[in-house]
Amino acid sequence: MSLDPTVYAIPAFVGLMLAEGVAVARHGLRGYERRDTAASLAMGLGNVVIDLGMKAVHFALLAAVAEHAPWRLTSSWATWALLLVAADLVYYWFHRLHHEVRVLWAAHVNHHSSQRYNLSTALRQSWTTPFTSLLFWWPLALLGFPPAMILAAIALNTLYQFWIHTEVIDRIGGLEHVLNTASHHRVHHGANVEYLDRNHGGMFIVWDKLFGTFAPERAPVRYGLTSNIDSFDPRVIAAHEWRALARDVRGAPNWRARLGYLFGPPGWSPDGAAKTSRALQAEAGMIGAG
């Protein structure tokens, strides 16, 4: 297998971050903070190392599933176009479930832990989603897509999402109706109650509109978590929710509560004292928001 395309893109990431730094200074935006950026880069580096090791495992899994596909698709422009759309649909559910199931949220939460929003935030990637992602992409192999093409499509989906992590770009016209954009993804990173668990698409925003999770950018976005961790230590960023989850499971009074902590939404508790995103939205009168 060839090296992940995201590794080849690292020089472009650095150059674009430098350009964004100049742009945010010129436009008076909040911009970069040294410790926050360093934490994001450390998370990204850890993700690259872990993911490179997991690529062979993922490829082997996809290859094993592909043996049971009723047909085999060959590489062509049509196949690539179909795969990019299908991969983004899988990504939507991968991403959405990583917000709605706490054991998966523990793997994803670090990406939302920065209280700033710039291109370095795109690199604040998880050290554990390379493992949880194994649960999601195999149906594409069963549909006949070659495993190497699937891994390439996942990488292209990730590369696309780099540019949407910025405040420098406002709206891009009619493409906002179809594509995931900086505006749509700012909403996704918002800790505002109305923005929680919205806009999960990777390349396309149409999935959110189809499945009722879309929200437009209206109010100014407050970035970060509903309860911020206020740490720049990559080890804390990577593991804090796993530790909290383990603590809650250990302290649960019965198996129903243990399973609720693991597979219920973030914020679930047996007595309802903690608040899920839907509970917060219900309190704010937004229960019909999707």
C-alpha atoms as a PDB file:
ATOM      1  CA  MET A   1       0.000   0.000   0.000  1.00  0.00           C
ATOM      2  CA  SER A   2       1.197   3.509  -0.728  1.00  0.00           C
ATOM      3  CA  LEU A   3       1.642   6.111   1.973  1.00  0.00           C
ATOM      4  CA  ASP A   4      -1.496   7.905   3.128  1.00  0.00           C
ATOM      5  CA  PRO A   5      -2.094  11.023   0.933  1.00  0.00           C
ATOM      6  CA  THR A   6      -2.586  13.087   4.090  1.00  0.00           C
ATOM      7  CA  VAL A   7       1.108  12.539   4.910  1.00  0.00           C
ATOM      8  CA  TYR A   8       2.130  13.973   1.538  1.00  0.00           C
ATOM      9  CA  ALA A   9      -0.129  16.973   2.247  1.00  0.00           C
ATOM     10  CA  ILE A  10       1.716  18.010   5.431  1.00  0.00           C
ATOM     11  CA  PRO A  11       3.827  20.713   3.684  1.00  0.00           C
ATOM     12  CA  ALA A  12       0.627  22.199   2.236  1.00  0.00           C
ATOM     13  CA  PHE A  13      -0.976  22.142   5.697  1.00  0.00           C
ATOM     14  CA  VAL A  14       1.934  24.115   7.120  1.00  0.00           C
ATOM     15  CA  GLY A  15       1.933  26.650   4.286  1.00  0.00           C
ATOM     16  CA  LEU A  16      -1.821  27.212   4.516  1.00  0.00           C
ATOM     17  CA  MET A  17      -1.659  27.666   8.285  1.00  0.00           C
ATOM     18  CA  LEU A  18       1.025  30.330   7.832  1.00  0.00           C
ATOM     19  CA  ALA A  19      -1.125  32.066   5.221  1.00  0.00           C
ATOM     20  CA  GLU A  20      -4.155  31.890   7.506  1.00  0.00           C
ATOM     21  CA  GLY A  21      -2.112  33.399  10.340  1.00  0.00           C
ATOM     22  CA  VAL A  22      -1.389  36.424   8.155  1.00  0.00           C
ATOM     23  CA  ALA A  23      -5.038  36.669   7.093  1.00  0.00           C
ATOM     24  CA  VAL A  24      -6.483  36.522  10.612  1.00  0.00           C
ATOM     25  CA  ALA A  25      -4.067  39.227  11.763  1.00  0.00           C
ATOM     26  CA  ARG A  26      -5.084  41.403   8.829  1.00  0.00           C
ATOM     27  CA  HIS A  27      -8.806  40.931   9.466  1.00  0.00           C
ATOM     28  CA  GLY A  28      -8.640  41.223  13.257  1.00  0.00           C
ATOM     29  CA  LEU A  29      -9.874  37.680  13.885  1.00  0.00           C
ATOM     30  CA  ARG A  30      -8.978  35.640  16.964  1.00  0.00           C
ATOM     31  CA  GLY A  31      -6.352  33.526  15.248  1.00  0.00           C
ATOM     32  CA  TYR A  32      -3.743  31.230  16.722  1.00  0.00           C
ATOM     33  CA  GLU A  33      -2.492  30.680  20.267  1.00  0.00           C
ATOM     34  CA  ARG A  34       0.871  28.987  20.691  1.00  0.00           C
ATOM     35  CA  ARG A  35      -0.082  26.333  23.283  1.00  0.00           C
ATOM     36  CA  ASP A  36      -3.368  25.505  21.573  1.00  0.00           C
ATOM     37  CA  THR A  37      -1.695  25.118  18.186  1.00  0.00           C
ATOM     38  CA  ALA A  38       1.085  22.983  19.646  1.00  0.00           C
ATOM     39  CA  ALA A  39      -1.518  20.707  21.246  1.00  0.00           C
ATOM     40  CA  SER A  40      -3.392  20.345  17.961  1.00  0.00           C
ATOM     41  CA  LEU A  41      -0.194  19.504  16.077  1.00  0.00           C
ATOM     42  CA  ALA A  42       0.802  16.946  18.723  1.00  0.00           C
ATOM     43  CA  MET A  43      -2.605  15.296  18.450  1.00  0.00           C
ATOM     44  CA  GLY A  44      -2.288  15.247  14.661  1.00  0.00           C
ATOM     45  CA  LEU A  45       1.176  13.693  14.771  1.00  0.00           C
ATOM     46  CA  GLY A  46       0.001  10.992  17.163  1.00  0.00           C
ATOM     47  CA  ASN A  47      -2.956  10.244  14.925  1.00  0.00           C
ATOM     48  CA  VAL A  48      -0.742   9.902  11.847  1.00  0.00           C
ATOM     49  CA  VAL A  49       1.593   7.447  13.598  1.00  0.00           C
ATOM     50  CA  ILE A  50      -1.256   5.324  15.001  1.00  0.00           C
ATOM     51  CA  ASP A  51      -3.247   5.446  11.779  1.00  0.00           C
ATOM     52  CA  LEU A  52      -0.265   4.336   9.701  1.00  0.00           C
ATOM     53  CA  GLY A  53      -0.014   1.288  11.924  1.00  0.00           C
ATOM     54  CA  MET A  54      -3.750   0.600  11.633  1.00  0.00           C
ATOM     55  CA  LYS A  55      -3.864   0.932   7.827  1.00  0.00           C
ATOM     56  CA  ALA A  56      -2.723  -2.658   7.346  1.00  0.00           C
ATOM     57  CA  VAL A  57      -5.379  -3.897   9.787  1.00  0.00           C
ATOM     58  CA  HIS A  58      -8.074  -1.872   8.044  1.00  0.00           C
ATOM     59  CA  PHE A  59      -6.946  -3.057   4.613  1.00  0.00           C
ATOM     60  CA  ALA A  60      -6.982  -6.681   5.775  1.00  0.00           C
ATOM     61  CA  LEU A  61     -10.509  -6.290   7.148  1.00  0.00           C
ATOM     62  CA  LEU A  62     -11.769  -4.672   3.941  1.00  0.00           C
ATOM     63  CA  ALA A  63     -10.065  -7.352   1.838  1.00  0.00           C
ATOM     64  CA  ALA A  64     -11.678 -10.114   3.899  1.00  0.00           C
ATOM     65  CA  VAL A  65     -15.128  -8.550   3.488  1.00  0.00           C
ATOM     66  CA  ALA A  66     -14.527  -7.970  -0.246  1.00  0.00           C
ATOM     67  CA  GLU A  67     -14.183 -11.728  -0.718  1.00  0.00           C
ATOM     68  CA  HIS A  68     -17.928 -11.952  -0.026  1.00  0.00           C
ATOM     69  CA  ALA A  69     -18.966  -9.149  -2.403  1.00  0.00           C
ATOM     70  CA  PRO A  70     -21.420 -10.332  -5.082  1.00  0.00           C
ATOM     71  CA  TRP A  71     -19.523  -8.329  -7.704  1.00  0.00           C
ATOM     72  CA  ARG A  72     -16.235  -6.451  -8.114  1.00  0.00           C
ATOM     73  CA  LEU A  73     -16.120  -2.849  -9.288  1.00  0.00           C
ATOM     74  CA  THR A  74     -13.131  -1.681 -11.301  1.00  0.00           C
ATOM     75  CA  SER A  75     -11.386   1.659 -11.093  1.00  0.00           C
ATOM     76  CA  SER A  76     -12.997   4.233 -13.383  1.00  0.00           C
ATOM     77  CA  TRP A  77     -14.226   7.810 -13.161  1.00  0.00           C
ATOM     78  CA  ALA A  78     -17.771   6.575 -12.551  1.00  0.00           C
ATOM     79  CA  THR A  79     -16.618   4.195  -9.810  1.00  0.00           C
ATOM     80  CA  TRP A  80     -14.588   6.937  -8.136  1.00  0.00           C
ATOM     81  CA  ALA A  81     -17.508   9.376  -8.260  1.00  0.00           C
ATOM     82  CA  LEU A  82     -19.880   6.804  -6.795  1.00  0.00           C
ATOM     83  CA  LEU A  83     -17.365   5.825  -4.123  1.00  0.00           C
ATOM     84  CA  LEU A  84     -16.736   9.412  -2.979  1.00  0.00           C
ATOM     85  CA  VAL A  85     -20.470   9.923  -2.488  1.00  0.00           C
ATOM     86  CA  ALA A  86     -20.946   6.549  -0.787  1.00  0.00           C
ATOM     87  CA  ALA A  87     -17.896   7.099   1.440  1.00  0.00           C
ATOM     88  CA  ASP A  88     -19.241  10.455   2.526  1.00  0.00           C
ATOM     89  CA  LEU A  89     -22.577   8.879   3.450  1.00  0.00           C
ATOM     90  CA  VAL A  90     -20.690   6.343   5.575  1.00  0.00           C
ATOM     91  CA  TYR A  91     -18.652   9.192   7.041  1.00  0.00           C
ATOM     92  CA  TYR A  92     -21.863  11.031   7.994  1.00  0.00           C
ATOM     93  CA  TRP A  93     -23.032   8.077  10.092  1.00  0.00           C
ATOM     94  CA  PHE A  94     -19.532   7.434  11.443  1.00  0.00           C
ATOM     95  CA  HIS A  95     -19.348  11.073  12.528  1.00  0.00           C
ATOM     96  CA  ARG A  96     -22.914  11.344  13.800  1.00  0.00           C
ATOM     97  CA  LEU A  97     -22.653   8.191  15.917  1.00  0.00           C
ATOM     98  CA  HIS A  98     -19.370   9.457  17.353  1.00  0.00           C
ATOM     99  CA  HIS A  99     -21.444  12.340  18.721  1.00  0.00           C
ATOM    100  CA  GLU A 100     -24.466  10.303  19.837  1.00  0.00           C
ATOM    101  CA  VAL A 101     -22.857   7.235  21.481  1.00  0.00           C
ATOM    102  CA  ARG A 102     -20.677   8.039  24.442  1.00  0.00           C
ATOM    103  CA  VAL A 103     -18.087   5.295  23.991  1.00  0.00           C
ATOM    104  CA  LEU A 104     -17.531   6.642  20.466  1.00  0.00           C
ATOM    105  CA  TRP A 105     -17.660  10.249  21.669  1.00  0.00           C
ATOM    106  CA  ALA A 106     -14.772   9.406  23.993  1.00  0.00           C
ATOM    107  CA  ALA A 107     -12.743   8.684  20.853  1.00  0.00           C
ATOM    108  CA  HIS A 108     -13.847  11.831  19.000  1.00  0.00           C
ATOM    109  CA  VAL A 109     -14.242  14.500  21.674  1.00  0.00           C
ATOM    110  CA  ASN A 110     -10.633  15.688  21.463  1.00  0.00           C
ATOM    111  CA  HIS A 111     -11.301  17.146  18.000  1.00  0.00           C
ATOM    112  CA  HIS A 112     -13.794  19.532  19.619  1.00  0.00           C
ATOM    113  CA  SER A 113     -11.677  20.451  22.641  1.00  0.00           C
ATOM    114  CA  SER A 114     -10.025  23.560  21.203  1.00  0.00           C
ATOM    115  CA  GLN A 115     -11.683  26.854  22.063  1.00  0.00           C
ATOM    116  CA  ARG A 116     -10.203  28.333  18.891  1.00  0.00           C
ATOM    117  CA  TYR A 117     -11.106  27.616  15.306  1.00  0.00           C
ATOM    118  CA  ASN A 118      -8.390  27.652  12.697  1.00  0.00           C
ATOM    119  CA  LEU A 119      -6.650  25.284  10.309  1.00  0.00           C
ATOM    120  CA  SER A 120      -4.600  23.761  13.112  1.00  0.00           C
ATOM    121  CA  THR A 121      -7.884  22.581  14.663  1.00  0.00           C
ATOM    122  CA  ALA A 122      -8.344  20.329  11.629  1.00  0.00           C
ATOM    123  CA  LEU A 123      -5.176  18.506  12.679  1.00  0.00           C
ATOM    124  CA  ARG A 124      -6.400  17.931  16.270  1.00  0.00           C
ATOM    125  CA  GLN A 125      -7.237  14.342  15.458  1.00  0.00           C
ATOM    126  CA  SER A 126      -8.038  11.420  17.717  1.00  0.00           C
ATOM    127  CA  TRP A 127      -5.605   8.740  18.821  1.00  0.00           C
ATOM    128  CA  THR A 128      -8.426   6.185  19.108  1.00  0.00           C
ATOM    129  CA  THR A 129     -10.716   6.733  16.080  1.00  0.00           C
ATOM    130  CA  PRO A 130      -8.265   4.672  13.950  1.00  0.00           C
ATOM    131  CA  PHE A 131      -9.657   1.763  16.010  1.00  0.00           C
ATOM    132  CA  THR A 132     -13.343   2.743  16.163  1.00  0.00           C
ATOM    133  CA  SER A 133     -13.404   3.479  12.427  1.00  0.00           C
ATOM    134  CA  LEU A 134     -13.007  -0.258  11.745  1.00  0.00           C
ATOM    135  CA  LEU A 135     -16.710  -0.608  12.607  1.00  0.00           C
ATOM    136  CA  PHE A 136     -17.955   1.551   9.743  1.00  0.00           C
ATOM    137  CA  TRP A 137     -16.312   1.246   6.338  1.00  0.00           C
ATOM    138  CA  TRP A 138     -16.635  -2.472   5.575  1.00  0.00           C
ATOM    139  CA  PRO A 139     -20.060  -2.178   3.819  1.00  0.00           C
ATOM    140  CA  LEU A 140     -18.292  -0.374   0.974  1.00  0.00           C
ATOM    141  CA  ALA A 141     -16.139  -3.465   0.412  1.00  0.00           C
ATOM    142  CA  LEU A 142     -19.264  -5.617   0.442  1.00  0.00           C
ATOM    143  CA  LEU A 143     -20.658  -3.381  -2.320  1.00  0.00           C
ATOM    144  CA  GLY A 144     -17.673  -4.305  -4.472  1.00  0.00           C
ATOM    145  CA  PHE A 145     -15.387  -1.287  -4.082  1.00  0.00           C
ATOM    146  CA  PRO A 146     -11.686  -2.304  -3.983  1.00  0.00           C
ATOM    147  CA  PRO A 147     -10.145  -1.962  -0.494  1.00  0.00           C
ATOM    148  CA  ALA A 148      -7.307   0.291  -1.705  1.00  0.00           C
ATOM    149  CA  MET A 149      -9.838   2.641  -3.302  1.00  0.00           C
ATOM    150  CA  ILE A 150     -11.862   2.757  -0.073  1.00  0.00           C
ATOM    151  CA  LEU A 151      -8.817   3.755   1.977  1.00  0.00           C
ATOM    152  CA  ALA A 152      -7.953   6.396  -0.629  1.00  0.00           C
ATOM    153  CA  ALA A 153     -11.527   7.747  -0.516  1.00  0.00           C
ATOM    154  CA  ILE A 154     -11.344   8.009   3.288  1.00  0.00           C
ATOM    155  CA  ALA A 155      -8.081   9.958   2.946  1.00  0.00           C
ATOM    156  CA  LEU A 156      -9.569  12.285   0.313  1.00  0.00           C
ATOM    157  CA  ASN A 157     -12.572  12.900   2.565  1.00  0.00           C
ATOM    158  CA  THR A 158     -10.210  13.854   5.383  1.00  0.00           C
ATOM    159  CA  LEU A 159      -8.151  16.111   3.114  1.00  0.00           C
ATOM    160  CA  TYR A 160     -11.272  17.933   1.938  1.00  0.00           C
ATOM    161  CA  GLN A 161     -12.203  18.805   5.498  1.00  0.00           C
ATOM    162  CA  PHE A 162      -8.943  20.642   6.198  1.00  0.00           C
ATOM    163  CA  TRP A 163      -9.983  23.908   4.533  1.00  0.00           C
ATOM    164  CA  ILE A 164     -13.349  24.161   6.315  1.00  0.00           C
ATOM    165  CA  HIS A 165     -11.664  24.684   9.700  1.00  0.00           C
ATOM    166  CA  THR A 166     -11.291  28.448   9.379  1.00  0.00           C
ATOM    167  CA  GLU A 167     -13.004  31.733  10.166  1.00  0.00           C
ATOM    168  CA  VAL A 168     -11.316  33.494   7.262  1.00  0.00           C
ATOM    169  CA  ILE A 169     -13.777  32.080   4.694  1.00  0.00           C
ATOM    170  CA  ASP A 170     -17.354  33.301   5.091  1.00  0.00           C
ATOM    171  CA  ARG A 171     -19.846  31.866   2.539  1.00  0.00           C
ATOM    172  CA  ILE A 172     -19.228  30.437  -0.938  1.00  0.00           C
ATOM    173  CA  GLY A 173     -22.568  31.102  -2.621  1.00  0.00           C
ATOM    174  CA  GLY A 174     -24.770  28.397  -4.086  1.00  0.00           C
ATOM    175  CA  LEU A 175     -22.309  25.626  -3.255  1.00  0.00           C
ATOM    176  CA  GLU A 176     -23.381  26.058   0.390  1.00  0.00           C
ATOM    177  CA  HIS A 177     -26.535  24.093  -0.499  1.00  0.00           C
ATOM    178  CA  VAL A 178     -24.576  20.968  -1.445  1.00  0.00           C
ATOM    179  CA  LEU A 179     -21.071  21.042   0.015  1.00  0.00           C
ATOM    180  CA  ASN A 180     -19.869  21.088   3.582  1.00  0.00           C
ATOM    181  CA  THR A 181     -18.255  24.499   3.982  1.00  0.00           C
ATOM    182  CA  ALA A 182     -16.416  26.571   6.561  1.00  0.00           C
ATOM    183  CA  SER A 183     -19.700  28.159   7.634  1.00  0.00           C
ATOM    184  CA  HIS A 184     -21.441  24.801   8.066  1.00  0.00           C
ATOM    185  CA  HIS A 185     -18.506  23.311   9.937  1.00  0.00           C
ATOM    186  CA  ARG A 186     -18.180  26.289  12.283  1.00  0.00           C
ATOM    187  CA  VAL A 187     -21.683  25.360  13.410  1.00  0.00           C
ATOM    188  CA  HIS A 188     -20.549  21.775  13.988  1.00  0.00           C
ATOM    189  CA  HIS A 189     -17.768  22.991  16.293  1.00  0.00           C
ATOM    190  CA  GLY A 190     -20.090  25.279  18.238  1.00  0.00           C
ATOM    191  CA  ALA A 191     -20.846  24.673  21.910  1.00  0.00           C
ATOM    192  CA  ASN A 192     -23.939  26.873  21.556  1.00  0.00           C
ATOM    193  CA  VAL A 193     -26.986  24.818  22.535  1.00  0.00           C
ATOM    194  CA  GLU A 194     -28.613  25.329  19.124  1.00  0.00           C
ATOM    195  CA  TYR A 195     -25.474  24.059  17.374  1.00  0.00           C
ATOM    196  CA  LEU A 196     -24.917  20.841  19.347  1.00  0.00           C
ATOM    197  CA  ASP A 197     -24.818  17.667  17.204  1.00  0.00           C
ATOM    198  CA  ARG A 198     -25.388  19.463  13.920  1.00  0.00           C
ATOM    199  CA  ASN A 199     -23.730  19.318  10.464  1.00  0.00           C
ATOM    200  CA  HIS A 200     -21.982  15.942  10.560  1.00  0.00           C
ATOM    201  CA  GLY A 201     -21.271  15.630   6.825  1.00  0.00           C
ATOM    202  CA  GLY A 202     -17.710  15.411   5.544  1.00  0.00           C
ATOM    203  CA  MET A 203     -17.710  16.636   1.947  1.00  0.00           C
ATOM    204  CA  PHE A 204     -21.464  17.093   1.467  1.00  0.00           C
ATOM    205  CA  ILE A 205     -24.025  18.855   3.664  1.00  0.00           C
ATOM    206  CA  VAL A 206     -26.975  17.180   1.929  1.00  0.00           C
ATOM    207  CA  TRP A 207     -26.930  14.252   4.391  1.00  0.00           C
ATOM    208  CA  ASP A 208     -27.625  16.580   7.299  1.00  0.00           C
ATOM    209  CA  LYS A 209     -30.523  18.140   5.418  1.00  0.00           C
ATOM    210  CA  LEU A 210     -31.843  14.689   4.520  1.00  0.00           C
ATOM    211  CA  PHE A 211     -31.554  13.230   8.045  1.00  0.00           C
ATOM    212  CA  GLY A 212     -32.594  16.323  10.017  1.00  0.00           C
ATOM    213  CA  THR A 213     -29.286  17.368  11.583  1.00  0.00           C
ATOM    214  CA  PHE A 214     -28.638  20.570   9.619  1.00  0.00           C
ATOM    215  CA  ALA A 215     -28.367  24.002  11.196  1.00  0.00           C
ATOM    216  CA  PRO A 216     -27.268  27.207   9.435  1.00  0.00           C
ATOM    217  CA  GLU A 217     -24.740  29.576  10.945  1.00  0.00           C
ATOM    218  CA  ARG A 218     -26.659  32.431  12.541  1.00  0.00           C
ATOM    219  CA  ALA A 219     -25.531  33.301  16.069  1.00  0.00           C
ATOM    220  CA  PRO A 220     -21.795  33.834  16.694  1.00  0.00           C
ATOM    221  CA  VAL A 221     -20.147  30.493  17.380  1.00  0.00           C
ATOM    222  CA  ARG A 222     -18.715  29.674  20.808  1.00  0.00           C
ATOM    223  CA  TYR A 223     -16.072  27.023  20.184  1.00  0.00           C
ATOM    224  CA  GLY A 224     -15.095  24.162  22.441  1.00  0.00           C
ATOM    225  CA  LEU A 225     -17.055  21.785  24.649  1.00  0.00           C
ATOM    226  CA  THR A 226     -20.068  22.424  26.847  1.00  0.00           C
ATOM    227  CA  SER A 227     -17.636  21.778  29.727  1.00  0.00           C
ATOM    228  CA  ASN A 228     -14.131  22.674  28.581  1.00  0.00           C
ATOM    229  CA  ILE A 229     -11.113  20.769  29.869  1.00  0.00           C
ATOM    230  CA  ASP A 230      -8.771  23.796  29.825  1.00  0.00           C
ATOM    231  CA  SER A 231      -5.650  21.734  29.174  1.00  0.00           C
ATOM    232  CA  PHE A 232      -3.039  21.848  26.431  1.00  0.00           C
ATOM    233  CA  ASP A 233      -1.486  18.502  27.409  1.00  0.00           C
ATOM    234  CA  PRO A 234      -2.050  16.067  24.496  1.00  0.00           C
ATOM    235  CA  ARG A 235      -2.318  13.161  26.926  1.00  0.00           C
ATOM    236  CA  VAL A 236      -5.173  14.879  28.762  1.00  0.00           C
ATOM    237  CA  ILE A 237      -6.859  15.885  25.499  1.00  0.00           C
ATOM    238  CA  ALA A 238      -6.649  12.320  24.181  1.00  0.00           C
ATOM    239  CA  ALA A 239      -7.748  10.491  27.323  1.00  0.00           C
ATOM    240  CA  HIS A 240      -9.914  12.752  29.495  1.00  0.00           C
ATOM    241  CA  GLU A 241     -13.275  11.410  28.297  1.00  0.00           C
ATOM    242  CA  TRP A 242     -12.082   7.805  28.413  1.00  0.00           C
ATOM    243  CA  ARG A 243     -11.167   8.371  32.078  1.00  0.00           C
ATOM    244  CA  ALA A 244     -14.529  10.013  32.795  1.00  0.00           C
ATOM    245  CA  LEU A 245     -16.347   7.156  31.077  1.00  0.00           C
ATOM    246  CA  ALA A 246     -14.417   4.535  33.057  1.00  0.00           C
ATOM    247  CA  ARG A 247     -15.180   6.394  36.294  1.00  0.00           C
ATOM    248  CA  ASP A 248     -18.906   6.527  35.515  1.00  0.00           C
ATOM    249  CA  VAL A 249     -19.045   2.838  34.546  1.00  0.00           C
ATOM    250  CA  ARG A 250     -17.206   1.809  37.725  1.00  0.00           C
ATOM    251  CA  GLY A 251     -19.583   3.861  39.858  1.00  0.00           C
ATOM    252  CA  ALA A 252     -22.785   2.740  38.108  1.00  0.00           C
ATOM    253  CA  PRO A 253     -25.305   0.988  40.399  1.00  0.00           C
ATOM    254  CA  ASN A 254     -26.263  -1.788  37.952  1.00  0.00           C
ATOM    255  CA  TRP A 255     -25.692  -3.190  34.460  1.00  0.00           C
ATOM    256  CA  ARG A 256     -28.444  -1.086  32.921  1.00  0.00           C
ATOM    257  CA  ALA A 257     -26.648   2.048  34.092  1.00  0.00           C
ATOM    258  CA  ARG A 258     -23.275   0.726  32.902  1.00  0.00           C
ATOM    259  CA  LEU A 259     -24.669   0.061  29.434  1.00  0.00           C
ATOM    260  CA  GLY A 260     -26.365   3.460  29.461  1.00  0.00           C
ATOM    261  CA  TYR A 261     -23.086   5.197  30.183  1.00  0.00           C
ATOM    262  CA  LEU A 262     -21.354   3.258  27.413  1.00  0.00           C
ATOM    263  CA  PHE A 263     -23.945   3.360  24.649  1.00  0.00           C
ATOM    264  CA  GLY A 264     -26.237   6.216  25.620  1.00  0.00           C
ATOM    265  CA  PRO A 265     -25.591   9.751  24.396  1.00  0.00           C
ATOM    266  CA  PRO A 266     -22.943  11.941  26.044  1.00  0.00           C
ATOM    267  CA  GLY A 267     -24.465  13.495  29.139  1.00  0.00           C
ATOM    268  CA  TRP A 268     -26.706  10.502  29.896  1.00  0.00           C
ATOM    269  CA  SER A 269     -27.030   9.525  33.550  1.00  0.00           C
ATOM    270  CA  PRO A 270     -29.377   7.106  35.366  1.00  0.00           C
ATOM    271  CA  ASP A 271     -31.094   9.869  37.320  1.00  0.00           C
ATOM    272  CA  GLY A 272     -31.136  12.427  34.513  1.00  0.00           C
ATOM    273  CA  ALA A 273     -29.080  14.876  36.566  1.00  0.00           C
ATOM    274  CA  ALA A 274     -26.613  15.355  33.720  1.00  0.00           C
ATOM    275  CA  LYS A 275     -27.870  16.807  30.455  1.00  0.00           C
ATOM    276  CA  THR A 276     -27.645  15.367  26.957  1.00  0.00           C
ATOM    277  CA  SER A 277     -27.604  17.730  23.992  1.00  0.00           C
ATOM    278  CA  ARG A 278     -31.260  16.933  23.273  1.00  0.00           C
ATOM    279  CA  ALA A 279     -32.204  17.680  26.871  1.00  0.00           C
ATOM    280  CA  LEU A 280     -30.399  21.019  26.691  1.00  0.00           C
ATOM    281  CA  GLN A 281     -32.147  21.825  23.413  1.00  0.00           C
ATOM    282  CA  ALA A 282     -35.513  20.795  24.880  1.00  0.00           C
ATOM    283  CA  GLU A 283     -34.981  23.137  27.806  1.00  0.00           C
ATOM    284  CA  ALA A 284     -34.230  25.914  25.342  1.00  0.00           C
ATOM    285  CA  GLY A 285     -37.410  25.164  23.397  1.00  0.00           C
ATOM    286  CA  MET A 286     -35.582  23.585  20.442  1.00  0.00           C
ATOM    287  CA  ILE A 287     -36.838  20.027  20.791  1.00  0.00           C
ATOM    288  CA  GLY A 288     -38.305  20.109  17.279  1.00  0.00           C
ATOM    289  CA  ALA A 289     -34.998  21.225  15.759  1.00  0.00           C
ATOM    290  CA  GLY A 290     -34.123  17.764  14.407  1.00  0.00           C
END
